[in-house]
Amino acid sequence: MSVDTATVAKIAALARIKVNEAEIAAMVPELGAILAWVEQLGEVDVSGVEPMTAVIENHLRLREDKVTDGGVQAAVLANAPARQDGFFGVPKVIE
């Protein structure tokens, strides 16, 4: 894909980047080289390579799904400034 000054100016406008004519002229060969490299990557045969989500394989350490606490409602509410029916009491904010 060839990149010209009009394409670079359009990309800069879409990205809301203010560039002058000298910067646009300098970016034309840079963007052309980047796109050539991406096209070169497209030529690589990856038919036997499985997709991966990370370079280093991570395994989640799972724990048994069981309740380890509970039955401490009275201890939790002991320092509450207001209690109502076993819950924290809060002032009404909506009339």
N, C-alpha and C. Protein backbone atom coordinates (compact mmCIF):
# COMPACT_ATOMS: atom_id res chain seq x y z
N MET A 1 0.85 -1.18 0.00
CA MET A 1 0.00 0.00 0.00
C MET A 1 0.89 1.23 0.00
N SER A 2 0.61 2.13 -0.90
CA SER A 2 1.41 3.35 -0.95
C SER A 2 0.75 4.44 -0.12
N VAL A 3 1.57 5.20 0.54
CA VAL A 3 1.09 6.27 1.39
C VAL A 3 1.55 7.58 0.77
N ASP A 4 0.62 8.52 0.64
CA ASP A 4 0.98 9.84 0.13
C ASP A 4 0.64 10.89 1.18
N THR A 5 0.95 12.14 0.86
CA THR A 5 0.74 13.21 1.83
C THR A 5 -0.73 13.41 2.16
N ALA A 6 -1.62 13.17 1.19
CA ALA A 6 -3.05 13.32 1.44
C ALA A 6 -3.53 12.28 2.45
N THR A 7 -3.01 11.06 2.33
CA THR A 7 -3.39 9.99 3.27
C THR A 7 -2.90 10.33 4.68
N VAL A 8 -1.67 10.79 4.79
CA VAL A 8 -1.13 11.15 6.11
C VAL A 8 -1.92 12.31 6.70
N ALA A 9 -2.26 13.29 5.89
CA ALA A 9 -3.05 14.42 6.39
C ALA A 9 -4.42 13.97 6.85
N LYS A 10 -5.03 13.02 6.14
CA LYS A 10 -6.35 12.52 6.54
C LYS A 10 -6.25 11.74 7.85
N ILE A 11 -5.21 10.92 7.99
CA ILE A 11 -5.02 10.16 9.23
C ILE A 11 -4.81 11.11 10.40
N ALA A 12 -4.02 12.15 10.19
CA ALA A 12 -3.77 13.13 11.24
C ALA A 12 -5.06 13.85 11.62
N ALA A 13 -5.90 14.16 10.64
CA ALA A 13 -7.17 14.83 10.93
C ALA A 13 -8.10 13.91 11.70
N LEU A 14 -8.15 12.64 11.31
CA LEU A 14 -9.01 11.68 12.01
C LEU A 14 -8.54 11.46 13.45
N ALA A 15 -7.21 11.49 13.65
CA ALA A 15 -6.66 11.31 14.99
C ALA A 15 -6.62 12.61 15.78
N ARG A 16 -7.05 13.68 15.14
CA ARG A 16 -7.06 15.01 15.76
C ARG A 16 -5.66 15.42 16.22
N ILE A 17 -4.68 15.16 15.33
CA ILE A 17 -3.30 15.54 15.57
C ILE A 17 -2.95 16.67 14.63
N LYS A 18 -2.47 17.76 15.19
CA LYS A 18 -2.09 18.90 14.37
C LYS A 18 -0.65 18.71 13.89
N VAL A 19 -0.47 18.62 12.57
CA VAL A 19 0.86 18.47 11.98
C VAL A 19 1.00 19.48 10.85
N ASN A 20 2.23 19.95 10.66
CA ASN A 20 2.46 20.88 9.56
C ASN A 20 2.96 20.11 8.34
N GLU A 21 3.16 20.81 7.25
CA GLU A 21 3.54 20.18 5.98
C GLU A 21 4.87 19.45 6.08
N ALA A 22 5.83 20.00 6.81
CA ALA A 22 7.14 19.34 6.95
C ALA A 22 7.01 18.02 7.71
N GLU A 23 6.19 18.00 8.74
CA GLU A 23 5.99 16.76 9.50
C GLU A 23 5.26 15.73 8.67
N ILE A 24 4.31 16.19 7.85
CA ILE A 24 3.58 15.25 6.98
C ILE A 24 4.54 14.62 5.99
N ALA A 25 5.42 15.42 5.40
CA ALA A 25 6.39 14.89 4.44
C ALA A 25 7.33 13.88 5.09
N ALA A 26 7.68 14.10 6.36
CA ALA A 26 8.56 13.17 7.07
C ALA A 26 7.84 11.88 7.44
N MET A 27 6.53 11.95 7.65
CA MET A 27 5.77 10.76 8.05
C MET A 27 5.45 9.84 6.89
N VAL A 28 5.45 10.34 5.67
CA VAL A 28 5.09 9.52 4.51
C VAL A 28 5.99 8.29 4.40
N PRO A 29 7.32 8.43 4.38
CA PRO A 29 8.14 7.21 4.28
C PRO A 29 8.06 6.34 5.54
N GLU A 30 7.89 6.95 6.70
CA GLU A 30 7.78 6.16 7.93
C GLU A 30 6.54 5.26 7.91
N LEU A 31 5.39 5.83 7.56
CA LEU A 31 4.17 5.03 7.50
C LEU A 31 4.25 3.99 6.39
N GLY A 32 4.88 4.35 5.28
CA GLY A 32 5.08 3.38 4.19
C GLY A 32 5.90 2.19 4.65
N ALA A 33 6.97 2.45 5.42
CA ALA A 33 7.80 1.36 5.93
C ALA A 33 7.04 0.49 6.93
N ILE A 34 6.22 1.12 7.77
CA ILE A 34 5.43 0.35 8.74
C ILE A 34 4.45 -0.55 8.02
N LEU A 35 3.75 -0.03 7.02
CA LEU A 35 2.78 -0.84 6.28
C LEU A 35 3.46 -1.94 5.48
N ALA A 36 4.66 -1.69 4.96
CA ALA A 36 5.41 -2.74 4.25
C ALA A 36 5.79 -3.85 5.21
N TRP A 37 6.15 -3.50 6.45
CA TRP A 37 6.50 -4.51 7.44
C TRP A 37 5.28 -5.35 7.81
N VAL A 38 4.11 -4.71 7.93
CA VAL A 38 2.88 -5.44 8.24
C VAL A 38 2.53 -6.39 7.10
N GLU A 39 2.71 -5.95 5.86
CA GLU A 39 2.47 -6.83 4.72
C GLU A 39 3.42 -8.01 4.72
N GLN A 40 4.67 -7.77 5.14
CA GLN A 40 5.65 -8.85 5.23
C GLN A 40 5.24 -9.86 6.29
N LEU A 41 4.66 -9.40 7.40
CA LEU A 41 4.17 -10.32 8.43
C LEU A 41 3.03 -11.18 7.91
N GLY A 42 2.24 -10.64 7.00
CA GLY A 42 1.13 -11.40 6.43
C GLY A 42 1.58 -12.56 5.57
N GLU A 43 2.81 -12.55 5.11
CA GLU A 43 3.33 -13.62 4.26
C GLU A 43 3.83 -14.81 5.08
N VAL A 44 3.96 -14.68 6.38
CA VAL A 44 4.48 -15.75 7.22
C VAL A 44 3.45 -16.86 7.34
N ASP A 45 3.91 -18.12 7.20
CA ASP A 45 3.02 -19.28 7.32
C ASP A 45 2.83 -19.61 8.80
N VAL A 46 1.62 -19.42 9.30
CA VAL A 46 1.30 -19.71 10.69
C VAL A 46 0.22 -20.78 10.80
N SER A 47 0.17 -21.66 9.81
CA SER A 47 -0.91 -22.66 9.77
C SER A 47 -0.84 -23.65 10.94
N GLY A 48 0.34 -23.95 11.45
CA GLY A 48 0.44 -24.91 12.55
C GLY A 48 0.55 -24.28 13.92
N VAL A 49 0.43 -22.98 13.99
CA VAL A 49 0.59 -22.28 15.26
C VAL A 49 -0.78 -21.98 15.85
N GLU A 50 -0.99 -22.42 17.09
CA GLU A 50 -2.27 -22.16 17.74
C GLU A 50 -2.28 -20.75 18.31
N PRO A 51 -3.45 -20.10 18.30
CA PRO A 51 -3.53 -18.76 18.89
C PRO A 51 -3.26 -18.81 20.39
N MET A 52 -2.68 -17.73 20.91
CA MET A 52 -2.41 -17.67 22.34
C MET A 52 -2.80 -16.30 22.87
N THR A 53 -3.05 -16.27 24.16
CA THR A 53 -3.46 -15.02 24.77
C THR A 53 -2.31 -14.29 25.45
N ALA A 54 -1.21 -14.99 25.72
CA ALA A 54 -0.07 -14.38 26.37
C ALA A 54 1.20 -15.12 25.95
N VAL A 55 2.31 -14.46 26.04
CA VAL A 55 3.58 -15.09 25.69
C VAL A 55 3.96 -16.14 26.74
N ILE A 56 3.75 -15.79 28.00
CA ILE A 56 4.03 -16.72 29.11
C ILE A 56 2.70 -17.34 29.53
N GLU A 57 2.67 -18.65 29.61
CA GLU A 57 1.43 -19.32 29.97
C GLU A 57 1.12 -19.11 31.44
N ASN A 58 -0.05 -18.59 31.72
CA ASN A 58 -0.48 -18.34 33.09
C ASN A 58 -1.60 -19.29 33.46
N HIS A 59 -1.52 -19.83 34.66
CA HIS A 59 -2.58 -20.69 35.16
C HIS A 59 -3.15 -20.04 36.41
N LEU A 60 -4.46 -19.92 36.45
CA LEU A 60 -5.10 -19.34 37.62
C LEU A 60 -5.10 -20.35 38.76
N ARG A 61 -4.75 -19.85 39.92
CA ARG A 61 -4.81 -20.71 41.10
C ARG A 61 -6.23 -20.64 41.63
N LEU A 62 -6.96 -21.70 41.49
CA LEU A 62 -8.35 -21.72 41.90
C LEU A 62 -8.45 -22.29 43.31
N ARG A 63 -9.39 -21.78 44.05
CA ARG A 63 -9.62 -22.29 45.39
C ARG A 63 -10.99 -22.96 45.41
N GLU A 64 -11.20 -23.79 46.40
CA GLU A 64 -12.48 -24.45 46.55
C GLU A 64 -13.54 -23.41 46.88
N ASP A 65 -14.67 -23.51 46.25
CA ASP A 65 -15.75 -22.54 46.44
C ASP A 65 -16.57 -22.94 47.65
N LYS A 66 -16.16 -22.44 48.82
CA LYS A 66 -16.89 -22.74 50.04
C LYS A 66 -16.92 -21.49 50.91
N VAL A 67 -17.90 -21.42 51.76
CA VAL A 67 -18.03 -20.28 52.66
C VAL A 67 -17.02 -20.44 53.78
N THR A 68 -16.17 -19.45 53.97
CA THR A 68 -15.16 -19.54 55.01
C THR A 68 -15.48 -18.64 56.20
N ASP A 69 -16.46 -17.78 56.04
CA ASP A 69 -16.88 -16.95 57.15
C ASP A 69 -18.40 -16.86 57.11
N GLY A 70 -18.95 -16.24 58.04
CA GLY A 70 -20.40 -16.13 58.11
C GLY A 70 -20.85 -16.28 59.55
N GLY A 71 -22.06 -15.93 59.77
CA GLY A 71 -22.59 -16.02 61.11
C GLY A 71 -21.96 -14.99 62.03
N VAL A 72 -21.45 -13.91 61.48
CA VAL A 72 -20.82 -12.89 62.30
C VAL A 72 -21.57 -11.57 62.17
N GLN A 73 -22.86 -11.65 61.93
CA GLN A 73 -23.66 -10.44 61.72
C GLN A 73 -23.59 -9.52 62.95
N ALA A 74 -23.68 -10.09 64.13
CA ALA A 74 -23.65 -9.27 65.34
C ALA A 74 -22.30 -8.58 65.50
N ALA A 75 -21.21 -9.26 65.16
CA ALA A 75 -19.88 -8.66 65.28
C ALA A 75 -19.69 -7.55 64.23
N VAL A 76 -20.25 -7.74 63.05
CA VAL A 76 -20.12 -6.73 62.01
C VAL A 76 -20.92 -5.48 62.40
N LEU A 77 -22.10 -5.66 62.92
CA LEU A 77 -22.96 -4.54 63.27
C LEU A 77 -22.63 -3.92 64.63
N ALA A 78 -21.65 -4.47 65.34
CA ALA A 78 -21.34 -3.97 66.69
C ALA A 78 -20.90 -2.52 66.67
N ASN A 79 -20.17 -2.08 65.66
CA ASN A 79 -19.67 -0.71 65.61
C ASN A 79 -20.52 0.19 64.72
N ALA A 80 -21.62 -0.31 64.22
CA ALA A 80 -22.47 0.51 63.35
C ALA A 80 -23.15 1.59 64.17
N PRO A 81 -23.16 2.84 63.68
CA PRO A 81 -23.82 3.90 64.44
C PRO A 81 -25.33 3.72 64.50
N ALA A 82 -25.90 3.09 63.48
CA ALA A 82 -27.35 2.85 63.49
C ALA A 82 -27.61 1.47 62.88
N ARG A 83 -28.47 0.70 63.56
CA ARG A 83 -28.84 -0.62 63.08
C ARG A 83 -30.35 -0.67 62.93
N GLN A 84 -30.79 -1.41 61.90
CA GLN A 84 -32.23 -1.54 61.70
C GLN A 84 -32.51 -2.92 61.12
N ASP A 85 -33.19 -3.75 61.86
CA ASP A 85 -33.58 -5.10 61.44
C ASP A 85 -32.39 -5.94 60.98
N GLY A 86 -31.25 -5.81 61.64
CA GLY A 86 -30.08 -6.61 61.29
C GLY A 86 -29.27 -6.04 60.14
N PHE A 87 -29.52 -4.83 59.73
CA PHE A 87 -28.79 -4.18 58.65
C PHE A 87 -28.25 -2.84 59.13
N PHE A 88 -27.35 -2.24 58.34
CA PHE A 88 -26.87 -0.90 58.64
C PHE A 88 -28.01 0.07 58.41
N GLY A 89 -28.22 0.97 59.36
CA GLY A 89 -29.24 2.01 59.20
C GLY A 89 -28.61 3.24 58.58
N VAL A 90 -29.23 3.75 57.51
CA VAL A 90 -28.72 4.95 56.84
C VAL A 90 -29.84 5.96 56.74
N PRO A 91 -29.50 7.25 56.70
CA PRO A 91 -30.54 8.26 56.59
C PRO A 91 -31.19 8.22 55.21
N LYS A 92 -32.43 8.60 55.15
CA LYS A 92 -33.18 8.64 53.90
C LYS A 92 -32.66 9.80 53.07
N VAL A 93 -32.35 9.54 51.80
CA VAL A 93 -31.80 10.59 50.94
C VAL A 93 -32.76 11.00 49.84
N ILE A 94 -33.77 10.21 49.57
CA ILE A 94 -34.75 10.53 48.54
C ILE A 94 -36.11 10.71 49.20
N GLU A 95 -36.73 11.81 48.93
CA GLU A 95 -38.05 12.07 49.51
C GLU A 95 -39.14 11.47 48.66
